[in-house]
Amino acid sequence: MDQGHYRPVTCIPRQNVAIIIPYRDREKGLLTLLYNVLPRIRRQNIEFGIYVVEQVAGKLFNKGVCFNVGFKYAMADYKYDCVVFHDVDIIAEDDRNFFTCGYHPVKCWKQANGFSNQYQEWGMEDDDIYRRCNIYINRPRGWAFDGLTSLQYTVEKIENKRLFKRILIDVDTSQLRKVNIGDQ
């Protein structure tokens, strides 16, 4: 891998996949994930890039913002067909766990406006995105104002590591909530 990007040399890849991992204070977990999952992904003959979005310490963690920032940077970095949002503490133990997508997933994701930026700490953002993707996408409710289109963060540093691109961000969730609540 070179700067978090892999392209198979023995075939033409069937998809180009961005893998986005939100992260904070779990270095051992991140390394365990990468060393266990990377060989499985490589065997799937796909081209992929890994984006680890790390939020600085000292404020409540916002996984939705981390996922949205990773999506934004991945799409600016390369023309990916598919995006996989992956938690650092979940490890695929079987080669039948595919890191691929169906048809037009990126377009669908943009229509759903990504993850909500409103959930702090761990949890609830998964339930929210489930609802966003299962409700008719062309009739958005509150998520028209909350998600990819309302991201507020500061990039502290971007590093190209061998196995991934690291994007360190600072997020002031209290300010984000005030802006989004006032917009609706």
N, C-alpha and C. Protein backbone atom coordinates (compact mmCIF):
# COMPACT_ATOMS: atom_id res chain seq x y z
N MET A 1 0.84 -1.18 0.00
CA MET A 1 0.00 0.00 0.00
C MET A 1 0.88 1.24 0.00
N ASP A 2 0.36 2.26 -0.62
CA ASP A 2 1.08 3.52 -0.68
C ASP A 2 0.16 4.63 -0.20
N GLN A 3 0.48 5.24 0.90
CA GLN A 3 -0.30 6.33 1.47
C GLN A 3 -1.78 5.96 1.64
N GLY A 4 -2.00 4.74 2.11
CA GLY A 4 -3.35 4.28 2.39
C GLY A 4 -4.15 3.84 1.18
N HIS A 5 -3.51 3.71 0.03
CA HIS A 5 -4.22 3.34 -1.19
C HIS A 5 -3.66 2.03 -1.74
N TYR A 6 -4.56 1.16 -2.19
CA TYR A 6 -4.14 -0.12 -2.74
C TYR A 6 -4.86 -0.37 -4.07
N ARG A 7 -4.12 -0.83 -5.04
CA ARG A 7 -4.69 -1.24 -6.33
C ARG A 7 -4.10 -2.60 -6.68
N PRO A 8 -4.96 -3.60 -6.93
CA PRO A 8 -4.44 -4.92 -7.28
C PRO A 8 -3.65 -4.87 -8.59
N VAL A 9 -2.60 -5.65 -8.65
CA VAL A 9 -1.76 -5.68 -9.84
C VAL A 9 -2.08 -6.87 -10.75
N THR A 10 -2.84 -7.84 -10.24
CA THR A 10 -3.11 -9.05 -11.00
C THR A 10 -4.43 -9.01 -11.77
N CYS A 11 -5.22 -7.92 -11.60
CA CYS A 11 -6.51 -7.85 -12.28
C CYS A 11 -6.97 -6.40 -12.36
N ILE A 12 -8.04 -6.19 -13.10
CA ILE A 12 -8.69 -4.88 -13.12
C ILE A 12 -9.71 -4.90 -11.98
N PRO A 13 -9.60 -3.96 -11.05
CA PRO A 13 -10.51 -3.99 -9.89
C PRO A 13 -11.96 -3.76 -10.32
N ARG A 14 -12.88 -4.46 -9.66
CA ARG A 14 -14.29 -4.31 -10.02
C ARG A 14 -14.93 -3.09 -9.39
N GLN A 15 -14.35 -2.58 -8.31
CA GLN A 15 -14.84 -1.35 -7.69
C GLN A 15 -13.69 -0.60 -7.05
N ASN A 16 -13.90 0.71 -6.89
CA ASN A 16 -12.97 1.56 -6.15
C ASN A 16 -13.69 1.96 -4.87
N VAL A 17 -13.14 1.58 -3.73
CA VAL A 17 -13.84 1.70 -2.46
C VAL A 17 -13.05 2.58 -1.49
N ALA A 18 -13.75 3.54 -0.88
CA ALA A 18 -13.18 4.33 0.21
C ALA A 18 -13.65 3.71 1.52
N ILE A 19 -12.72 3.45 2.42
CA ILE A 19 -13.06 2.90 3.73
C ILE A 19 -12.76 4.00 4.75
N ILE A 20 -13.79 4.42 5.46
CA ILE A 20 -13.68 5.54 6.39
C ILE A 20 -13.84 5.02 7.80
N ILE A 21 -12.86 5.37 8.66
CA ILE A 21 -12.83 4.88 10.03
C ILE A 21 -12.73 6.08 10.97
N PRO A 22 -13.78 6.32 11.80
CA PRO A 22 -13.67 7.38 12.82
C PRO A 22 -12.83 6.86 13.98
N TYR A 23 -12.10 7.75 14.61
CA TYR A 23 -11.09 7.26 15.55
C TYR A 23 -10.77 8.31 16.61
N ARG A 24 -10.56 7.84 17.83
CA ARG A 24 -9.96 8.67 18.87
C ARG A 24 -9.47 7.76 20.00
N ASP A 25 -8.22 7.90 20.34
CA ASP A 25 -7.61 7.22 21.49
C ASP A 25 -7.73 5.70 21.46
N ARG A 26 -7.62 5.09 20.31
CA ARG A 26 -7.70 3.63 20.22
C ARG A 26 -6.64 3.09 19.27
N GLU A 27 -5.40 3.45 19.50
CA GLU A 27 -4.34 3.07 18.57
C GLU A 27 -4.20 1.56 18.43
N LYS A 28 -4.23 0.84 19.54
CA LYS A 28 -4.13 -0.62 19.46
C LYS A 28 -5.29 -1.21 18.67
N GLY A 29 -6.49 -0.68 18.90
CA GLY A 29 -7.66 -1.15 18.17
C GLY A 29 -7.55 -0.88 16.67
N LEU A 30 -7.05 0.29 16.32
CA LEU A 30 -6.88 0.63 14.91
C LEU A 30 -5.87 -0.29 14.24
N LEU A 31 -4.75 -0.52 14.88
CA LEU A 31 -3.74 -1.40 14.30
C LEU A 31 -4.23 -2.84 14.19
N THR A 32 -4.96 -3.29 15.21
CA THR A 32 -5.54 -4.64 15.17
C THR A 32 -6.52 -4.76 14.00
N LEU A 33 -7.38 -3.75 13.84
CA LEU A 33 -8.32 -3.75 12.72
C LEU A 33 -7.59 -3.82 11.39
N LEU A 34 -6.64 -2.93 11.19
CA LEU A 34 -5.94 -2.87 9.90
C LEU A 34 -5.20 -4.15 9.58
N TYR A 35 -4.48 -4.69 10.54
CA TYR A 35 -3.70 -5.91 10.27
C TYR A 35 -4.56 -7.14 10.07
N ASN A 36 -5.79 -7.13 10.60
CA ASN A 36 -6.69 -8.27 10.40
C ASN A 36 -7.54 -8.13 9.15
N VAL A 37 -7.95 -6.92 8.83
CA VAL A 37 -8.88 -6.71 7.74
C VAL A 37 -8.19 -6.49 6.39
N LEU A 38 -7.05 -5.86 6.39
CA LEU A 38 -6.38 -5.55 5.11
C LEU A 38 -6.13 -6.78 4.24
N PRO A 39 -5.63 -7.89 4.76
CA PRO A 39 -5.45 -9.06 3.89
C PRO A 39 -6.76 -9.55 3.28
N ARG A 40 -7.86 -9.48 4.05
CA ARG A 40 -9.15 -9.92 3.54
C ARG A 40 -9.63 -9.00 2.41
N ILE A 41 -9.47 -7.71 2.60
CA ILE A 41 -9.91 -6.75 1.58
C ILE A 41 -9.08 -6.93 0.30
N ARG A 42 -7.80 -7.11 0.47
CA ARG A 42 -6.92 -7.27 -0.71
C ARG A 42 -7.32 -8.49 -1.54
N ARG A 43 -7.76 -9.55 -0.88
CA ARG A 43 -8.17 -10.77 -1.60
C ARG A 43 -9.46 -10.55 -2.39
N GLN A 44 -10.18 -9.47 -2.14
CA GLN A 44 -11.44 -9.21 -2.86
C GLN A 44 -11.21 -8.52 -4.21
N ASN A 45 -9.95 -8.27 -4.54
CA ASN A 45 -9.59 -7.68 -5.84
C ASN A 45 -10.31 -6.36 -6.11
N ILE A 46 -10.32 -5.49 -5.11
CA ILE A 46 -10.87 -4.16 -5.29
C ILE A 46 -9.76 -3.14 -5.03
N GLU A 47 -9.91 -1.99 -5.64
CA GLU A 47 -9.02 -0.87 -5.35
C GLU A 47 -9.63 -0.13 -4.16
N PHE A 48 -8.82 0.25 -3.19
CA PHE A 48 -9.39 0.92 -2.03
C PHE A 48 -8.41 1.91 -1.41
N GLY A 49 -9.01 2.85 -0.70
CA GLY A 49 -8.26 3.81 0.09
C GLY A 49 -8.84 3.84 1.48
N ILE A 50 -7.97 3.98 2.48
CA ILE A 50 -8.43 4.01 3.87
C ILE A 50 -8.20 5.41 4.42
N TYR A 51 -9.27 5.96 5.01
CA TYR A 51 -9.24 7.30 5.61
C TYR A 51 -9.60 7.17 7.08
N VAL A 52 -8.64 7.47 7.94
CA VAL A 52 -8.87 7.46 9.37
C VAL A 52 -9.09 8.90 9.80
N VAL A 53 -10.28 9.19 10.28
CA VAL A 53 -10.61 10.55 10.71
C VAL A 53 -10.58 10.56 12.23
N GLU A 54 -9.62 11.30 12.75
CA GLU A 54 -9.41 11.35 14.19
C GLU A 54 -9.85 12.71 14.72
N GLN A 55 -10.65 12.68 15.78
CA GLN A 55 -11.08 13.92 16.42
C GLN A 55 -10.16 14.20 17.60
N VAL A 56 -9.72 15.45 17.73
CA VAL A 56 -8.84 15.80 18.83
C VAL A 56 -9.53 15.54 20.17
N ALA A 57 -8.74 15.26 21.19
CA ALA A 57 -9.26 14.97 22.52
C ALA A 57 -9.74 16.26 23.19
N GLY A 58 -10.53 16.08 24.24
CA GLY A 58 -10.95 17.20 25.05
C GLY A 58 -12.38 17.66 24.82
N LYS A 59 -13.01 17.17 23.78
CA LYS A 59 -14.41 17.52 23.50
C LYS A 59 -15.18 16.23 23.25
N LEU A 60 -16.50 16.30 23.36
CA LEU A 60 -17.30 15.12 23.11
C LEU A 60 -17.07 14.60 21.69
N PHE A 61 -16.94 13.29 21.57
CA PHE A 61 -16.68 12.66 20.27
C PHE A 61 -17.93 12.74 19.41
N ASN A 62 -17.75 13.01 18.12
CA ASN A 62 -18.87 13.07 17.18
C ASN A 62 -18.54 12.20 15.98
N LYS A 63 -19.01 10.98 16.04
CA LYS A 63 -18.73 9.99 15.00
C LYS A 63 -19.34 10.39 13.65
N GLY A 64 -20.54 10.98 13.67
CA GLY A 64 -21.18 11.40 12.42
C GLY A 64 -20.35 12.43 11.67
N VAL A 65 -19.81 13.41 12.39
CA VAL A 65 -18.95 14.42 11.76
C VAL A 65 -17.71 13.75 11.19
N CYS A 66 -17.11 12.82 11.95
CA CYS A 66 -15.91 12.12 11.46
C CYS A 66 -16.22 11.37 10.16
N PHE A 67 -17.34 10.67 10.12
CA PHE A 67 -17.72 9.96 8.90
C PHE A 67 -17.93 10.94 7.74
N ASN A 68 -18.62 12.05 8.00
CA ASN A 68 -18.89 13.03 6.93
C ASN A 68 -17.61 13.67 6.42
N VAL A 69 -16.69 13.99 7.32
CA VAL A 69 -15.40 14.57 6.91
C VAL A 69 -14.63 13.55 6.06
N GLY A 70 -14.62 12.29 6.49
CA GLY A 70 -13.95 11.25 5.71
C GLY A 70 -14.54 11.11 4.32
N PHE A 71 -15.86 11.15 4.24
CA PHE A 71 -16.54 11.07 2.94
C PHE A 71 -16.12 12.24 2.05
N LYS A 72 -16.13 13.42 2.62
CA LYS A 72 -15.77 14.63 1.86
C LYS A 72 -14.35 14.53 1.30
N TYR A 73 -13.40 14.13 2.15
CA TYR A 73 -12.01 14.04 1.72
C TYR A 73 -11.78 12.90 0.74
N ALA A 74 -12.44 11.78 0.97
CA ALA A 74 -12.29 10.65 0.05
C ALA A 74 -12.79 11.01 -1.34
N MET A 75 -13.94 11.67 -1.42
CA MET A 75 -14.51 12.05 -2.72
C MET A 75 -13.65 13.10 -3.42
N ALA A 76 -12.99 13.96 -2.66
CA ALA A 76 -12.10 14.96 -3.26
C ALA A 76 -10.78 14.33 -3.70
N ASP A 77 -10.41 13.24 -3.03
CA ASP A 77 -9.14 12.58 -3.27
C ASP A 77 -9.15 11.69 -4.51
N TYR A 78 -10.29 11.01 -4.75
CA TYR A 78 -10.35 9.99 -5.78
C TYR A 78 -11.80 9.76 -6.19
N LYS A 79 -12.02 9.22 -7.36
CA LYS A 79 -13.39 8.93 -7.82
C LYS A 79 -13.78 7.53 -7.36
N TYR A 80 -14.27 7.44 -6.13
CA TYR A 80 -14.69 6.15 -5.57
C TYR A 80 -16.10 5.81 -6.00
N ASP A 81 -16.33 4.50 -6.26
CA ASP A 81 -17.66 3.99 -6.60
C ASP A 81 -18.46 3.68 -5.34
N CYS A 82 -17.75 3.43 -4.26
CA CYS A 82 -18.36 2.87 -3.06
C CYS A 82 -17.66 3.44 -1.83
N VAL A 83 -18.42 3.60 -0.76
CA VAL A 83 -17.86 4.06 0.51
C VAL A 83 -18.31 3.10 1.59
N VAL A 84 -17.36 2.61 2.39
CA VAL A 84 -17.65 1.74 3.51
C VAL A 84 -17.31 2.51 4.78
N PHE A 85 -18.29 2.66 5.67
CA PHE A 85 -18.08 3.31 6.96
C PHE A 85 -17.84 2.21 7.98
N HIS A 86 -16.67 2.23 8.60
CA HIS A 86 -16.24 1.10 9.42
C HIS A 86 -15.83 1.57 10.81
N ASP A 87 -16.37 0.92 11.84
CA ASP A 87 -15.95 1.22 13.21
C ASP A 87 -14.62 0.55 13.50
N VAL A 88 -13.84 1.16 14.36
CA VAL A 88 -12.50 0.65 14.68
C VAL A 88 -12.57 -0.65 15.50
N ASP A 89 -13.68 -0.88 16.18
CA ASP A 89 -13.77 -2.04 17.07
C ASP A 89 -14.56 -3.21 16.48
N ILE A 90 -14.82 -3.19 15.18
CA ILE A 90 -15.50 -4.31 14.53
C ILE A 90 -14.55 -4.91 13.50
N ILE A 91 -14.29 -6.19 13.63
CA ILE A 91 -13.33 -6.85 12.75
C ILE A 91 -14.03 -7.97 11.99
N ALA A 92 -13.98 -7.90 10.66
CA ALA A 92 -14.52 -8.96 9.82
C ALA A 92 -13.64 -10.20 10.00
N GLU A 93 -14.26 -11.31 10.32
CA GLU A 93 -13.50 -12.53 10.58
C GLU A 93 -13.59 -13.53 9.43
N ASP A 94 -14.20 -13.13 8.34
CA ASP A 94 -14.49 -14.06 7.27
C ASP A 94 -14.35 -13.34 5.93
N ASP A 95 -13.82 -14.01 4.94
CA ASP A 95 -13.67 -13.42 3.61
C ASP A 95 -15.01 -13.18 2.92
N ARG A 96 -16.09 -13.72 3.46
CA ARG A 96 -17.41 -13.48 2.86
C ARG A 96 -18.00 -12.14 3.28
N ASN A 97 -17.31 -11.38 4.12
CA ASN A 97 -17.70 -10.00 4.44
C ASN A 97 -17.10 -9.11 3.37
N PHE A 98 -17.94 -8.69 2.44
CA PHE A 98 -17.46 -7.94 1.29
C PHE A 98 -17.39 -6.45 1.56
N PHE A 99 -16.36 -5.82 1.05
CA PHE A 99 -16.18 -4.38 1.15
C PHE A 99 -16.51 -3.77 -0.21
N THR A 100 -17.73 -4.02 -0.68
CA THR A 100 -18.20 -3.50 -1.96
C THR A 100 -19.62 -2.98 -1.78
N CYS A 101 -20.14 -2.33 -2.83
CA CYS A 101 -21.47 -1.73 -2.76
C CYS A 101 -22.29 -2.13 -3.98
N GLY A 102 -23.60 -1.83 -3.91
CA GLY A 102 -24.50 -2.01 -5.04
C GLY A 102 -24.36 -0.85 -6.02
N TYR A 103 -25.43 -0.53 -6.69
CA TYR A 103 -25.40 0.51 -7.71
C TYR A 103 -25.62 1.91 -7.13
N HIS A 104 -24.81 2.86 -7.57
CA HIS A 104 -24.91 4.28 -7.26
C HIS A 104 -24.97 4.61 -5.76
N PRO A 105 -24.17 3.98 -4.92
CA PRO A 105 -24.24 4.26 -3.48
C PRO A 105 -23.81 5.68 -3.12
N VAL A 106 -22.86 6.24 -3.86
CA VAL A 106 -22.37 7.59 -3.54
C VAL A 106 -23.47 8.61 -3.79
N LYS A 107 -24.19 8.46 -4.90
CA LYS A 107 -25.30 9.38 -5.21
C LYS A 107 -26.37 9.29 -4.12
N CYS A 108 -26.73 8.08 -3.74
CA CYS A 108 -27.73 7.87 -2.68
C CYS A 108 -27.27 8.52 -1.38
N TRP A 109 -25.98 8.39 -1.05
CA TRP A 109 -25.45 8.94 0.19
C TRP A 109 -25.54 10.46 0.21
N LYS A 110 -25.26 11.06 -0.93
CA LYS A 110 -25.36 12.52 -1.02
C LYS A 110 -26.81 12.96 -0.88
N GLN A 111 -27.75 12.22 -1.44
CA GLN A 111 -29.17 12.56 -1.31
C GLN A 111 -29.64 12.46 0.14
N ALA A 112 -29.09 11.52 0.89
CA ALA A 112 -29.45 11.38 2.30
C ALA A 112 -28.72 12.41 3.17
N ASN A 113 -27.81 13.18 2.58
CA ASN A 113 -27.03 14.22 3.26
C ASN A 113 -26.10 13.64 4.32
N GLY A 114 -25.67 12.40 4.14
CA GLY A 114 -24.70 11.79 5.04
C GLY A 114 -25.23 11.55 6.43
N PHE A 115 -24.33 11.42 7.37
CA PHE A 115 -24.68 11.22 8.78
C PHE A 115 -25.12 12.53 9.40
N SER A 116 -25.93 12.45 10.43
CA SER A 116 -26.27 13.63 11.22
C SER A 116 -25.04 14.09 11.98
N ASN A 117 -24.90 15.40 12.15
CA ASN A 117 -23.81 15.97 12.93
C ASN A 117 -24.23 16.23 14.37
N GLN A 118 -25.43 15.83 14.74
CA GLN A 118 -26.01 16.21 16.03
C GLN A 118 -25.72 15.25 17.18
N TYR A 119 -25.25 14.04 16.91
CA TYR A 119 -25.11 13.05 17.97
C TYR A 119 -23.70 13.07 18.54
N GLN A 120 -23.61 13.22 19.86
CA GLN A 120 -22.32 13.26 20.53
C GLN A 120 -22.08 11.93 21.23
N GLU A 121 -20.80 11.64 21.43
CA GLU A 121 -20.37 10.36 22.00
C GLU A 121 -20.74 9.24 21.03
N TRP A 122 -20.90 8.02 21.53
CA TRP A 122 -21.13 6.87 20.65
C TRP A 122 -22.60 6.51 20.65
N GLY A 123 -23.14 6.26 19.49
CA GLY A 123 -24.49 5.75 19.38
C GLY A 123 -25.46 6.73 18.76
N MET A 124 -26.59 6.28 18.34
CA MET A 124 -27.71 7.00 17.75
C MET A 124 -27.47 7.45 16.32
N GLU A 125 -26.24 7.74 15.92
CA GLU A 125 -26.01 8.14 14.53
C GLU A 125 -26.32 6.98 13.59
N ASP A 126 -26.10 5.75 14.06
CA ASP A 126 -26.41 4.58 13.24
C ASP A 126 -27.92 4.45 13.02
N ASP A 127 -28.70 4.65 14.09
CA ASP A 127 -30.16 4.59 13.96
C ASP A 127 -30.67 5.69 13.04
N ASP A 128 -30.09 6.88 13.17
CA ASP A 128 -30.51 8.01 12.35
C ASP A 128 -30.25 7.74 10.86
N ILE A 129 -29.07 7.22 10.53
CA ILE A 129 -28.77 6.97 9.12
C ILE A 129 -29.63 5.83 8.57
N TYR A 130 -29.96 4.88 9.41
CA TYR A 130 -30.86 3.81 8.99
C TYR A 130 -32.21 4.40 8.56
N ARG A 131 -32.73 5.33 9.37
CA ARG A 131 -33.99 5.98 9.02
C ARG A 131 -33.85 6.81 7.75
N ARG A 132 -32.75 7.54 7.63
CA ARG A 132 -32.55 8.39 6.45
C ARG A 132 -32.54 7.56 5.17
N CYS A 133 -31.90 6.40 5.23
CA CYS A 133 -31.77 5.58 4.02
C CYS A 133 -33.01 4.76 3.73
N ASN A 134 -33.85 4.52 4.71
CA ASN A 134 -35.05 3.72 4.49
C ASN A 134 -36.28 4.55 4.18
N ILE A 135 -36.25 5.83 4.49
CA ILE A 135 -37.36 6.71 4.14
C ILE A 135 -37.11 7.20 2.73
N TYR A 136 -38.16 7.46 2.02
CA TYR A 136 -38.05 7.91 0.64
C TYR A 136 -37.10 9.11 0.56
N ILE A 137 -35.99 8.95 -0.15
CA ILE A 137 -34.90 9.94 -0.17
C ILE A 137 -35.34 11.28 -0.76
N ASN A 138 -36.24 11.30 -1.70
CA ASN A 138 -36.62 12.56 -2.35
C ASN A 138 -37.53 13.43 -1.49
N ARG A 139 -37.88 12.99 -0.30
CA ARG A 139 -38.72 13.79 0.59
C ARG A 139 -38.00 13.98 1.91
N PRO A 140 -36.88 14.71 1.92
CA PRO A 140 -36.10 14.87 3.14
C PRO A 140 -36.85 15.65 4.21
N ARG A 141 -36.56 15.32 5.42
CA ARG A 141 -37.13 16.04 6.56
C ARG A 141 -36.02 16.93 7.11
N GLY A 142 -35.72 16.82 8.38
CA GLY A 142 -34.71 17.65 9.01
C GLY A 142 -33.31 17.44 8.49
N TRP A 143 -33.05 16.28 7.88
CA TRP A 143 -31.69 16.02 7.43
C TRP A 143 -31.29 16.87 6.24
N ALA A 144 -32.22 17.58 5.63
CA ALA A 144 -31.84 18.49 4.56
C ALA A 144 -30.92 19.58 5.10
N PHE A 145 -31.01 19.85 6.41
CA PHE A 145 -30.22 20.90 7.04
C PHE A 145 -29.10 20.35 7.90
N ASP A 146 -29.04 19.04 8.07
CA ASP A 146 -28.10 18.44 9.02
C ASP A 146 -27.37 17.29 8.36
N GLY A 147 -26.08 17.45 8.13
CA GLY A 147 -25.30 16.37 7.54
C GLY A 147 -24.13 16.93 6.76
N LEU A 148 -23.92 16.40 5.56
CA LEU A 148 -22.80 16.83 4.72
C LEU A 148 -22.85 18.33 4.43
N THR A 149 -24.06 18.87 4.27
CA THR A 149 -24.19 20.28 3.89
C THR A 149 -23.99 21.25 5.04
N SER A 150 -23.92 20.76 6.28
CA SER A 150 -23.77 21.67 7.42
C SER A 150 -22.52 21.36 8.26
N LEU A 151 -21.56 20.69 7.67
CA LEU A 151 -20.33 20.34 8.39
C LEU A 151 -19.58 21.57 8.86
N GLN A 152 -19.14 21.54 10.12
CA GLN A 152 -18.28 22.59 10.65
C GLN A 152 -17.18 21.92 11.46
N TYR A 153 -15.95 22.13 11.04
CA TYR A 153 -14.80 21.52 11.69
C TYR A 153 -13.56 22.27 11.26
N THR A 154 -12.48 22.01 11.96
CA THR A 154 -11.19 22.59 11.60
C THR A 154 -10.21 21.44 11.39
N VAL A 155 -9.51 21.45 10.27
CA VAL A 155 -8.49 20.44 10.03
C VAL A 155 -7.22 20.86 10.75
N GLU A 156 -6.76 20.00 11.65
CA GLU A 156 -5.53 20.26 12.39
C GLU A 156 -4.31 19.75 11.64
N LYS A 157 -4.49 18.59 10.98
CA LYS A 157 -3.35 17.98 10.28
C LYS A 157 -3.86 16.88 9.35
N ILE A 158 -3.20 16.72 8.21
CA ILE A 158 -3.45 15.60 7.32
C ILE A 158 -2.11 14.91 7.09
N GLU A 159 -2.09 13.59 7.34
CA GLU A 159 -0.86 12.82 7.18
C GLU A 159 -1.12 11.63 6.27
N ASN A 160 -0.19 11.39 5.38
CA ASN A 160 -0.23 10.18 4.56
C ASN A 160 0.63 9.13 5.21
N LYS A 161 -0.03 8.19 5.86
CA LYS A 161 0.66 7.05 6.45
C LYS A 161 0.74 5.95 5.39
N ARG A 162 1.48 4.91 5.68
CA ARG A 162 1.60 3.83 4.71
C ARG A 162 0.26 3.10 4.51
N LEU A 163 -0.45 2.84 5.61
CA LEU A 163 -1.68 2.06 5.53
C LEU A 163 -2.96 2.90 5.43
N PHE A 164 -2.87 4.20 5.68
CA PHE A 164 -4.07 5.03 5.65
C PHE A 164 -3.71 6.51 5.57
N LYS A 165 -4.71 7.29 5.19
CA LYS A 165 -4.59 8.75 5.26
C LYS A 165 -5.23 9.16 6.58
N ARG A 166 -4.51 9.91 7.39
CA ARG A 166 -5.01 10.35 8.70
C ARG A 166 -5.42 11.82 8.59
N ILE A 167 -6.66 12.09 8.97
CA ILE A 167 -7.19 13.44 8.97
C ILE A 167 -7.56 13.77 10.42
N LEU A 168 -6.80 14.67 11.03
CA LEU A 168 -7.04 15.08 12.42
C LEU A 168 -7.91 16.34 12.38
N ILE A 169 -9.07 16.27 13.05
CA ILE A 169 -10.00 17.40 13.03
C ILE A 169 -10.36 17.85 14.44
N ASP A 170 -10.79 19.09 14.53
CA ASP A 170 -11.33 19.64 15.77
C ASP A 170 -12.78 19.99 15.49
N VAL A 171 -13.67 19.58 16.37
CA VAL A 171 -15.10 19.80 16.20
C VAL A 171 -15.65 20.45 17.45
N ASP A 172 -16.37 21.54 17.29
CA ASP A 172 -17.07 22.18 18.41
C ASP A 172 -18.54 21.85 18.25
N THR A 173 -18.96 20.73 18.83
CA THR A 173 -20.32 20.24 18.65
C THR A 173 -21.35 21.21 19.20
N SER A 174 -21.03 21.93 20.26
CA SER A 174 -22.01 22.87 20.82
C SER A 174 -22.32 23.97 19.81
N GLN A 175 -21.33 24.46 19.11
CA GLN A 175 -21.56 25.48 18.08
C GLN A 175 -22.32 24.89 16.91
N LEU A 176 -22.00 23.66 16.53
CA LEU A 176 -22.67 23.00 15.41
C LEU A 176 -24.16 22.86 15.70
N ARG A 177 -24.51 22.45 16.91
CA ARG A 177 -25.92 22.29 17.27
C ARG A 177 -26.65 23.63 17.22
N LYS A 178 -26.03 24.71 17.67
CA LYS A 178 -26.67 26.02 17.65
C LYS A 178 -26.96 26.45 16.21
N VAL A 179 -26.00 26.23 15.32
CA VAL A 179 -26.17 26.64 13.93
C VAL A 179 -27.29 25.83 13.28
N ASN A 180 -27.28 24.50 13.46
CA ASN A 180 -28.28 23.66 12.82
C ASN A 180 -29.68 23.89 13.38
N ILE A 181 -29.81 24.08 14.68
CA ILE A 181 -31.13 24.32 15.27
C ILE A 181 -31.67 25.66 14.77
N GLY A 182 -30.80 26.66 14.66
CA GLY A 182 -31.22 27.97 14.20
C GLY A 182 -31.59 28.01 12.73
N ASP A 183 -31.06 27.10 11.93
CA ASP A 183 -31.33 27.08 10.49
C ASP A 183 -32.71 26.51 10.15
N GLN A 184 -33.28 25.69 11.03
CA GLN A 184 -34.51 24.98 10.68
C GLN A 184 -35.74 25.81 10.91
